[in-house]
Amino acid sequence: MPFLQFKPAEQSFLAMARYLNRHLDAVVLCEGPSDVELLKLVVGEPGVSLGVTDCGGLRQLYEVGRYMAALARVSRKLRSLGVMVNANKHKLADRARALAQSLREHELEVGEFQPVSEGLFRLQLEQRTLVICVAGLEDMPVDRHCIEDHVLKALVSAGALDLDYVKQIAEELRQMASIRQEPPEVGAKDVLEALNLDPVEETRKLSAERPGAVRDAFRRLVRLVEELQRAQPGQK
């Protein structure tokens, strides 16, 4: 069945609570719009009723996450929650632990932190399964790691970009930042912008031409949805 997208900032809390309680098996919260579009694109149609939303930034994601946890506690249907967050300059596990700690500090019932696979972590939150997916690939030659790392990997794996060329562009961007007296920190998003490549459109094209390269690069996102589905009654 298709993803259901909603906007917490634009819907009344009561209307959203009613919808979650009655219709959704799982929800994925994302930092920004490109995260949502890439998730829907690479995963396809999930096997459960799954909602996804762009929270409008990291701070808002933490806030919406607390609301969702409170809703899940009383929901008759919602069984699992997913959070997709960018690693930025943090280690993958450190970023996930910071999110879990934030939930604990707001007096939510948070269980033991369990690594699932690279960048994917599972724990119990208010008697529901919470799966945290930290986006970013540490082997990409950038300073800030995010969902666009996975786009670069897909392009490199498909032969559409050369990794040495990516390194060259990243270094040129660092030098330009230094000249402007800005922090010389580059992300994959900056590299793609310098090359006039839209991450969603490039991934869409690759999905049609080289689906194996896309699935391999975004394996973490695919596994996120698989874990959310596994948490549903009758699933293994």
C-alpha atoms as a PDB file:
ATOM      1  CA  MET A   1       0.000   0.000   0.000  1.00  0.00           C
ATOM      2  CA  PRO A   2       1.267   3.553  -0.662  1.00  0.00           C
ATOM      3  CA  PHE A   3       2.877   5.852   1.901  1.00  0.00           C
ATOM      4  CA  LEU A   4       0.522   8.341   3.551  1.00  0.00           C
ATOM      5  CA  GLN A   5       2.129  11.766   3.955  1.00  0.00           C
ATOM      6  CA  PHE A   6       0.963  14.299   6.512  1.00  0.00           C
ATOM      7  CA  LYS A   7       2.175  17.618   7.892  1.00  0.00           C
ATOM      8  CA  PRO A   8       2.134  18.064  11.695  1.00  0.00           C
ATOM      9  CA  ALA A   9       2.722  21.807  11.453  1.00  0.00           C
ATOM     10  CA  GLU A  10      -0.260  22.262   9.147  1.00  0.00           C
ATOM     11  CA  GLN A  11      -2.799  19.905  10.726  1.00  0.00           C
ATOM     12  CA  SER A  12      -4.557  20.345  14.036  1.00  0.00           C
ATOM     13  CA  PHE A  13      -3.117  18.094  16.713  1.00  0.00           C
ATOM     14  CA  LEU A  14      -6.527  16.600  17.440  1.00  0.00           C
ATOM     15  CA  ALA A  15      -7.208  15.748  13.775  1.00  0.00           C
ATOM     16  CA  MET A  16      -3.786  14.162  13.419  1.00  0.00           C
ATOM     17  CA  ALA A  17      -4.212  12.176  16.633  1.00  0.00           C
ATOM     18  CA  ARG A  18      -7.529  10.769  15.444  1.00  0.00           C
ATOM     19  CA  TYR A  19      -6.046   9.755  12.098  1.00  0.00           C
ATOM     20  CA  LEU A  20      -3.024   8.063  13.643  1.00  0.00           C
ATOM     21  CA  ASN A  21      -5.157   6.225  16.156  1.00  0.00           C
ATOM     22  CA  ARG A  22      -7.473   4.750  13.542  1.00  0.00           C
ATOM     23  CA  HIS A  23      -5.545   4.319  10.295  1.00  0.00           C
ATOM     24  CA  LEU A  24      -1.769   3.910  10.604  1.00  0.00           C
ATOM     25  CA  ASP A  25       0.297   0.858  11.576  1.00  0.00           C
ATOM     26  CA  ALA A  26       3.562   2.813  11.599  1.00  0.00           C
ATOM     27  CA  VAL A  27       4.927   6.347  11.177  1.00  0.00           C
ATOM     28  CA  VAL A  28       8.320   7.613   9.974  1.00  0.00           C
ATOM     29  CA  LEU A  29       9.464  11.088  11.003  1.00  0.00           C
ATOM     30  CA  CYS A  30      12.060  12.762   8.763  1.00  0.00           C
ATOM     31  CA  GLU A  31      14.168  15.898   9.160  1.00  0.00           C
ATOM     32  CA  GLY A  32      13.379  17.477   5.797  1.00  0.00           C
ATOM     33  CA  PRO A  33      11.475  17.164   2.518  1.00  0.00           C
ATOM     34  CA  SER A  34      14.244  15.458   0.540  1.00  0.00           C
ATOM     35  CA  ASP A  35      14.407  12.722   3.191  1.00  0.00           C
ATOM     36  CA  VAL A  36      10.696  12.041   2.722  1.00  0.00           C
ATOM     37  CA  GLU A  37      10.874  11.988  -1.079  1.00  0.00           C
ATOM     38  CA  LEU A  38      13.926   9.730  -1.159  1.00  0.00           C
ATOM     39  CA  LEU A  39      12.406   7.325   1.361  1.00  0.00           C
ATOM     40  CA  LYS A  40       9.204   6.992  -0.677  1.00  0.00           C
ATOM     41  CA  LEU A  41      11.186   6.634  -3.889  1.00  0.00           C
ATOM     42  CA  VAL A  42      13.631   3.915  -2.857  1.00  0.00           C
ATOM     43  CA  VAL A  43      11.308   1.839  -0.672  1.00  0.00           C
ATOM     44  CA  GLY A  44       8.284   1.756  -2.968  1.00  0.00           C
ATOM     45  CA  GLU A  45       5.009   0.628  -1.458  1.00  0.00           C
ATOM     46  CA  PRO A  46       5.308  -0.744   2.100  1.00  0.00           C
ATOM     47  CA  GLY A  47       3.337  -3.776   3.182  1.00  0.00           C
ATOM     48  CA  VAL A  48       1.591  -1.921   6.006  1.00  0.00           C
ATOM     49  CA  SER A  49      -0.268   1.371   6.415  1.00  0.00           C
ATOM     50  CA  LEU A  50       2.707   3.681   6.930  1.00  0.00           C
ATOM     51  CA  GLY A  51       2.661   7.450   7.372  1.00  0.00           C
ATOM     52  CA  VAL A  52       5.658   9.680   6.688  1.00  0.00           C
ATOM     53  CA  THR A  53       6.230  13.348   7.411  1.00  0.00           C
ATOM     54  CA  ASP A  54       8.804  16.109   7.014  1.00  0.00           C
ATOM     55  CA  CYS A  55       9.191  17.703  10.447  1.00  0.00           C
ATOM     56  CA  GLY A  56      10.980  20.802   9.147  1.00  0.00           C
ATOM     57  CA  GLY A  57      14.334  20.377  10.879  1.00  0.00           C
ATOM     58  CA  LEU A  58      16.100  18.465  13.644  1.00  0.00           C
ATOM     59  CA  ARG A  59      14.699  20.453  16.555  1.00  0.00           C
ATOM     60  CA  GLN A  60      11.131  20.074  15.292  1.00  0.00           C
ATOM     61  CA  LEU A  61      11.720  16.367  14.653  1.00  0.00           C
ATOM     62  CA  TYR A  62      12.588  15.859  18.327  1.00  0.00           C
ATOM     63  CA  GLU A  63       9.448  17.736  19.362  1.00  0.00           C
ATOM     64  CA  VAL A  64       7.118  15.862  16.985  1.00  0.00           C
ATOM     65  CA  GLY A  65       8.764  12.602  18.065  1.00  0.00           C
ATOM     66  CA  ARG A  66       7.702  13.216  21.665  1.00  0.00           C
ATOM     67  CA  TYR A  67       4.131  13.893  20.565  1.00  0.00           C
ATOM     68  CA  MET A  68       4.075  10.742  18.448  1.00  0.00           C
ATOM     69  CA  ALA A  69       5.336   8.652  21.341  1.00  0.00           C
ATOM     70  CA  ALA A  70       2.521   9.947  23.547  1.00  0.00           C
ATOM     71  CA  LEU A  71      -0.014   9.172  20.811  1.00  0.00           C
ATOM     72  CA  ALA A  72       1.379   5.681  20.266  1.00  0.00           C
ATOM     73  CA  ARG A  73       0.839   4.848  23.932  1.00  0.00           C
ATOM     74  CA  VAL A  74      -2.936   5.180  23.561  1.00  0.00           C
ATOM     75  CA  SER A  75      -3.342   4.169  19.917  1.00  0.00           C
ATOM     76  CA  ARG A  76      -5.287   1.003  19.114  1.00  0.00           C
ATOM     77  CA  LYS A  77      -3.487   0.524  15.789  1.00  0.00           C
ATOM     78  CA  LEU A  78      -0.057   2.225  15.743  1.00  0.00           C
ATOM     79  CA  ARG A  79       2.589  -0.374  16.602  1.00  0.00           C
ATOM     80  CA  SER A  80       5.916   1.083  15.450  1.00  0.00           C
ATOM     81  CA  LEU A  81       7.638   4.433  14.995  1.00  0.00           C
ATOM     82  CA  GLY A  82      10.573   5.295  12.773  1.00  0.00           C
ATOM     83  CA  VAL A  83      12.850   8.316  12.895  1.00  0.00           C
ATOM     84  CA  MET A  84      15.245   9.231  10.100  1.00  0.00           C
ATOM     85  CA  VAL A  85      17.912  11.734  11.094  1.00  0.00           C
ATOM     86  CA  ASN A  86      21.136  12.918   9.445  1.00  0.00           C
ATOM     87  CA  ALA A  87      24.438  12.033  11.109  1.00  0.00           C
ATOM     88  CA  ASN A  88      25.983  15.426  10.289  1.00  0.00           C
ATOM     89  CA  LYS A  89      29.403  15.415  12.029  1.00  0.00           C
ATOM     90  CA  HIS A  90      28.427  12.813  14.639  1.00  0.00           C
ATOM     91  CA  LYS A  91      29.104   9.099  14.785  1.00  0.00           C
ATOM     92  CA  LEU A  92      26.034   7.115  13.765  1.00  0.00           C
ATOM     93  CA  ALA A  93      25.460   5.523  17.177  1.00  0.00           C
ATOM     94  CA  ASP A  94      26.071   8.813  19.011  1.00  0.00           C
ATOM     95  CA  ARG A  95      23.383  10.549  16.975  1.00  0.00           C
ATOM     96  CA  ALA A  96      20.866   7.782  17.709  1.00  0.00           C
ATOM     97  CA  ARG A  97      21.725   7.732  21.428  1.00  0.00           C
ATOM     98  CA  ALA A  98      21.210  11.508  21.612  1.00  0.00           C
ATOM     99  CA  LEU A  99      17.679  11.097  20.276  1.00  0.00           C
ATOM    100  CA  ALA A 100      16.924   8.286  22.728  1.00  0.00           C
ATOM    101  CA  GLN A 101      18.271  10.376  25.618  1.00  0.00           C
ATOM    102  CA  SER A 102      16.119  13.331  24.594  1.00  0.00           C
ATOM    103  CA  LEU A 103      13.037  11.117  24.829  1.00  0.00           C
ATOM    104  CA  ARG A 104      14.095   9.871  28.284  1.00  0.00           C
ATOM    105  CA  GLU A 105      14.554  13.429  29.507  1.00  0.00           C
ATOM    106  CA  HIS A 106      10.903  14.095  28.707  1.00  0.00           C
ATOM    107  CA  GLU A 107       9.809  11.263  30.997  1.00  0.00           C
ATOM    108  CA  LEU A 108       8.933   8.838  28.237  1.00  0.00           C
ATOM    109  CA  GLU A 109       9.386   5.115  28.806  1.00  0.00           C
ATOM    110  CA  VAL A 110      12.464   4.217  26.743  1.00  0.00           C
ATOM    111  CA  GLY A 111      13.921   0.710  26.635  1.00  0.00           C
ATOM    112  CA  GLU A 112      17.354  -0.734  25.927  1.00  0.00           C
ATOM    113  CA  PHE A 113      19.281   0.640  22.924  1.00  0.00           C
ATOM    114  CA  GLN A 114      19.948  -2.148  20.384  1.00  0.00           C
ATOM    115  CA  PRO A 115      22.041  -1.843  17.169  1.00  0.00           C
ATOM    116  CA  VAL A 116      20.361  -3.614  14.228  1.00  0.00           C
ATOM    117  CA  SER A 117      22.831  -2.921  11.428  1.00  0.00           C
ATOM    118  CA  GLU A 118      25.030  -0.018  10.312  1.00  0.00           C
ATOM    119  CA  GLY A 119      23.172   3.210  11.068  1.00  0.00           C
ATOM    120  CA  LEU A 120      20.043   1.416  12.280  1.00  0.00           C
ATOM    121  CA  PHE A 121      19.019   1.115  15.931  1.00  0.00           C
ATOM    122  CA  ARG A 122      15.972  -0.317  17.710  1.00  0.00           C
ATOM    123  CA  LEU A 123      14.479   0.253  21.159  1.00  0.00           C
ATOM    124  CA  GLN A 124      11.132   0.151  22.906  1.00  0.00           C
ATOM    125  CA  LEU A 125       9.328   3.459  23.359  1.00  0.00           C
ATOM    126  CA  GLU A 126       6.106   3.552  25.373  1.00  0.00           C
ATOM    127  CA  GLN A 127       5.615  -0.177  24.669  1.00  0.00           C
ATOM    128  CA  ARG A 128       6.004   0.393  20.922  1.00  0.00           C
ATOM    129  CA  THR A 129       8.970  -0.361  18.669  1.00  0.00           C
ATOM    130  CA  LEU A 130      11.081   2.670  17.773  1.00  0.00           C
ATOM    131  CA  VAL A 131      13.572   2.289  14.916  1.00  0.00           C
ATOM    132  CA  ILE A 132      16.128   5.072  14.455  1.00  0.00           C
ATOM    133  CA  CYS A 133      17.782   5.343  11.047  1.00  0.00           C
ATOM    134  CA  VAL A 134      20.837   7.626  10.958  1.00  0.00           C
ATOM    135  CA  ALA A 135      21.511   8.699   7.370  1.00  0.00           C
ATOM    136  CA  GLY A 136      25.032   9.294   6.107  1.00  0.00           C
ATOM    137  CA  LEU A 137      27.987   7.237   4.892  1.00  0.00           C
ATOM    138  CA  GLU A 138      31.315   7.696   6.630  1.00  0.00           C
ATOM    139  CA  ASP A 139      33.239   6.562   3.549  1.00  0.00           C
ATOM    140  CA  MET A 140      31.953   9.502   1.483  1.00  0.00           C
ATOM    141  CA  PRO A 141      34.664  12.236   1.203  1.00  0.00           C
ATOM    142  CA  VAL A 142      32.619  14.970   2.892  1.00  0.00           C
ATOM    143  CA  ASP A 143      32.605  16.571   6.338  1.00  0.00           C
ATOM    144  CA  ARG A 144      28.867  16.588   7.141  1.00  0.00           C
ATOM    145  CA  HIS A 145      27.028  13.341   6.509  1.00  0.00           C
ATOM    146  CA  CYS A 146      23.384  13.233   5.439  1.00  0.00           C
ATOM    147  CA  ILE A 147      20.850  11.472   3.213  1.00  0.00           C
ATOM    148  CA  GLU A 148      22.549  12.914   0.111  1.00  0.00           C
ATOM    149  CA  ASP A 149      25.598  10.711   0.889  1.00  0.00           C
ATOM    150  CA  HIS A 150      23.474   7.790  -0.276  1.00  0.00           C
ATOM    151  CA  VAL A 151      22.660   9.603  -3.524  1.00  0.00           C
ATOM    152  CA  LEU A 152      26.378  10.131  -4.176  1.00  0.00           C
ATOM    153  CA  LYS A 153      27.056   6.468  -3.481  1.00  0.00           C
ATOM    154  CA  ALA A 154      24.349   5.413  -5.954  1.00  0.00           C
ATOM    155  CA  LEU A 155      25.769   7.707  -8.626  1.00  0.00           C
ATOM    156  CA  VAL A 156      29.311   6.429  -8.044  1.00  0.00           C
ATOM    157  CA  SER A 157      28.200   2.767  -7.990  1.00  0.00           C
ATOM    158  CA  ALA A 158      26.285   3.262 -11.246  1.00  0.00           C
ATOM    159  CA  GLY A 159      29.304   4.858 -12.911  1.00  0.00           C
ATOM    160  CA  ALA A 160      27.594   8.230 -13.300  1.00  0.00           C
ATOM    161  CA  LEU A 161      30.189   9.917 -11.054  1.00  0.00           C
ATOM    162  CA  ASP A 162      33.813   9.151 -10.244  1.00  0.00           C
ATOM    163  CA  LEU A 163      34.716   9.140  -6.540  1.00  0.00           C
ATOM    164  CA  ASP A 164      37.979  11.007  -7.195  1.00  0.00           C
ATOM    165  CA  TYR A 165      35.970  13.709  -8.946  1.00  0.00           C
ATOM    166  CA  VAL A 166      33.671  13.940  -5.919  1.00  0.00           C
ATOM    167  CA  LYS A 167      36.760  14.383  -3.719  1.00  0.00           C
ATOM    168  CA  GLN A 168      38.020  17.120  -6.048  1.00  0.00           C
ATOM    169  CA  ILE A 169      34.730  19.032  -5.965  1.00  0.00           C
ATOM    170  CA  ALA A 170      34.560  18.730  -2.174  1.00  0.00           C
ATOM    171  CA  GLU A 171      38.088  20.107  -1.806  1.00  0.00           C
ATOM    172  CA  GLU A 172      37.336  23.007  -4.141  1.00  0.00           C
ATOM    173  CA  LEU A 173      34.255  23.847  -2.073  1.00  0.00           C
ATOM    174  CA  ARG A 174      36.346  23.806   1.115  1.00  0.00           C
ATOM    175  CA  GLN A 175      38.853  26.198  -0.446  1.00  0.00           C
ATOM    176  CA  MET A 176      36.078  28.545  -1.554  1.00  0.00           C
ATOM    177  CA  ALA A 177      34.621  28.505   1.962  1.00  0.00           C
ATOM    178  CA  SER A 178      38.016  29.356   3.450  1.00  0.00           C
ATOM    179  CA  ILE A 179      38.380  32.299   1.078  1.00  0.00           C
ATOM    180  CA  ARG A 180      34.984  33.562   2.257  1.00  0.00           C
ATOM    181  CA  GLN A 181      36.171  33.020   5.852  1.00  0.00           C
ATOM    182  CA  GLU A 182      33.468  30.414   6.420  1.00  0.00           C
ATOM    183  CA  PRO A 183      33.892  26.995   8.084  1.00  0.00           C
ATOM    184  CA  PRO A 184      35.451  24.683   5.447  1.00  0.00           C
ATOM    185  CA  GLU A 185      32.887  21.949   6.005  1.00  0.00           C
ATOM    186  CA  VAL A 186      31.265  20.330   2.993  1.00  0.00           C
ATOM    187  CA  GLY A 187      28.288  17.992   2.729  1.00  0.00           C
ATOM    188  CA  ALA A 188      27.097  15.760  -0.093  1.00  0.00           C
ATOM    189  CA  LYS A 189      24.257  18.201  -0.674  1.00  0.00           C
ATOM    190  CA  ASP A 190      26.833  20.917  -1.423  1.00  0.00           C
ATOM    191  CA  VAL A 191      28.619  18.649  -3.906  1.00  0.00           C
ATOM    192  CA  LEU A 192      25.389  17.807  -5.715  1.00  0.00           C
ATOM    193  CA  GLU A 193      24.413  21.486  -5.874  1.00  0.00           C
ATOM    194  CA  ALA A 194      27.843  22.358  -7.316  1.00  0.00           C
ATOM    195  CA  LEU A 195      27.246  19.763 -10.037  1.00  0.00           C
ATOM    196  CA  ASN A 196      23.671  20.993 -10.666  1.00  0.00           C
ATOM    197  CA  LEU A 197      22.291  17.573  -9.702  1.00  0.00           C
ATOM    198  CA  ASP A 198      18.951  17.301  -7.943  1.00  0.00           C
ATOM    199  CA  PRO A 199      19.154  14.386  -5.464  1.00  0.00           C
ATOM    200  CA  VAL A 200      15.550  13.233  -5.907  1.00  0.00           C
ATOM    201  CA  GLU A 201      15.555  13.476  -9.709  1.00  0.00           C
ATOM    202  CA  GLU A 202      18.925  11.726 -10.012  1.00  0.00           C
ATOM    203  CA  THR A 203      17.739   8.927  -7.742  1.00  0.00           C
ATOM    204  CA  ARG A 204      14.513   8.613  -9.718  1.00  0.00           C
ATOM    205  CA  LYS A 205      16.460   8.227 -12.970  1.00  0.00           C
ATOM    206  CA  LEU A 206      18.854   5.711 -11.447  1.00  0.00           C
ATOM    207  CA  SER A 207      15.950   3.718 -10.009  1.00  0.00           C
ATOM    208  CA  ALA A 208      14.751   3.138 -13.568  1.00  0.00           C
ATOM    209  CA  GLU A 209      18.179   2.535 -15.115  1.00  0.00           C
ATOM    210  CA  ARG A 210      20.231   0.943 -12.310  1.00  0.00           C
ATOM    211  CA  PRO A 211      17.830  -0.206  -9.556  1.00  0.00           C
ATOM    212  CA  GLY A 212      20.464  -2.457  -7.985  1.00  0.00           C
ATOM    213  CA  ALA A 213      22.822   0.481  -7.402  1.00  0.00           C
ATOM    214  CA  VAL A 214      20.036   2.488  -5.765  1.00  0.00           C
ATOM    215  CA  ARG A 215      18.888  -0.348  -3.534  1.00  0.00           C
ATOM    216  CA  ASP A 216      22.455  -1.025  -2.403  1.00  0.00           C
ATOM    217  CA  ALA A 217      23.160   2.644  -1.663  1.00  0.00           C
ATOM    218  CA  PHE A 218      19.883   3.059   0.249  1.00  0.00           C
ATOM    219  CA  ARG A 219      19.871  -0.346   1.920  1.00  0.00           C
ATOM    220  CA  ARG A 220      19.579   1.334   5.332  1.00  0.00           C
ATOM    221  CA  LEU A 221      16.289   3.008   4.435  1.00  0.00           C
ATOM    222  CA  VAL A 222      14.876  -0.221   3.041  1.00  0.00           C
ATOM    223  CA  ARG A 223      15.844  -2.015   6.239  1.00  0.00           C
ATOM    224  CA  LEU A 224      14.168   0.739   8.311  1.00  0.00           C
ATOM    225  CA  VAL A 225      10.792   0.005   6.736  1.00  0.00           C
ATOM    226  CA  GLU A 226      11.367  -3.759   7.008  1.00  0.00           C
ATOM    227  CA  GLU A 227      11.969  -3.370  10.754  1.00  0.00           C
ATOM    228  CA  LEU A 228       8.802  -1.288  11.148  1.00  0.00           C
ATOM    229  CA  GLN A 229       6.805  -3.934   9.308  1.00  0.00           C
ATOM    230  CA  ARG A 230       8.347  -6.713  11.407  1.00  0.00           C
ATOM    231  CA  ALA A 231       7.025  -5.033  14.555  1.00  0.00           C
ATOM    232  CA  GLN A 232       3.410  -5.469  13.404  1.00  0.00           C
ATOM    233  CA  PRO A 233       1.283  -8.267  14.873  1.00  0.00           C
ATOM    234  CA  GLY A 234       1.717 -11.518  12.938  1.00  0.00           C
ATOM    235  CA  GLN A 235       4.925 -10.319  11.220  1.00  0.00           C
ATOM    236  CA  LYS A 236       8.363 -11.890  11.613  1.00  0.00           C
END
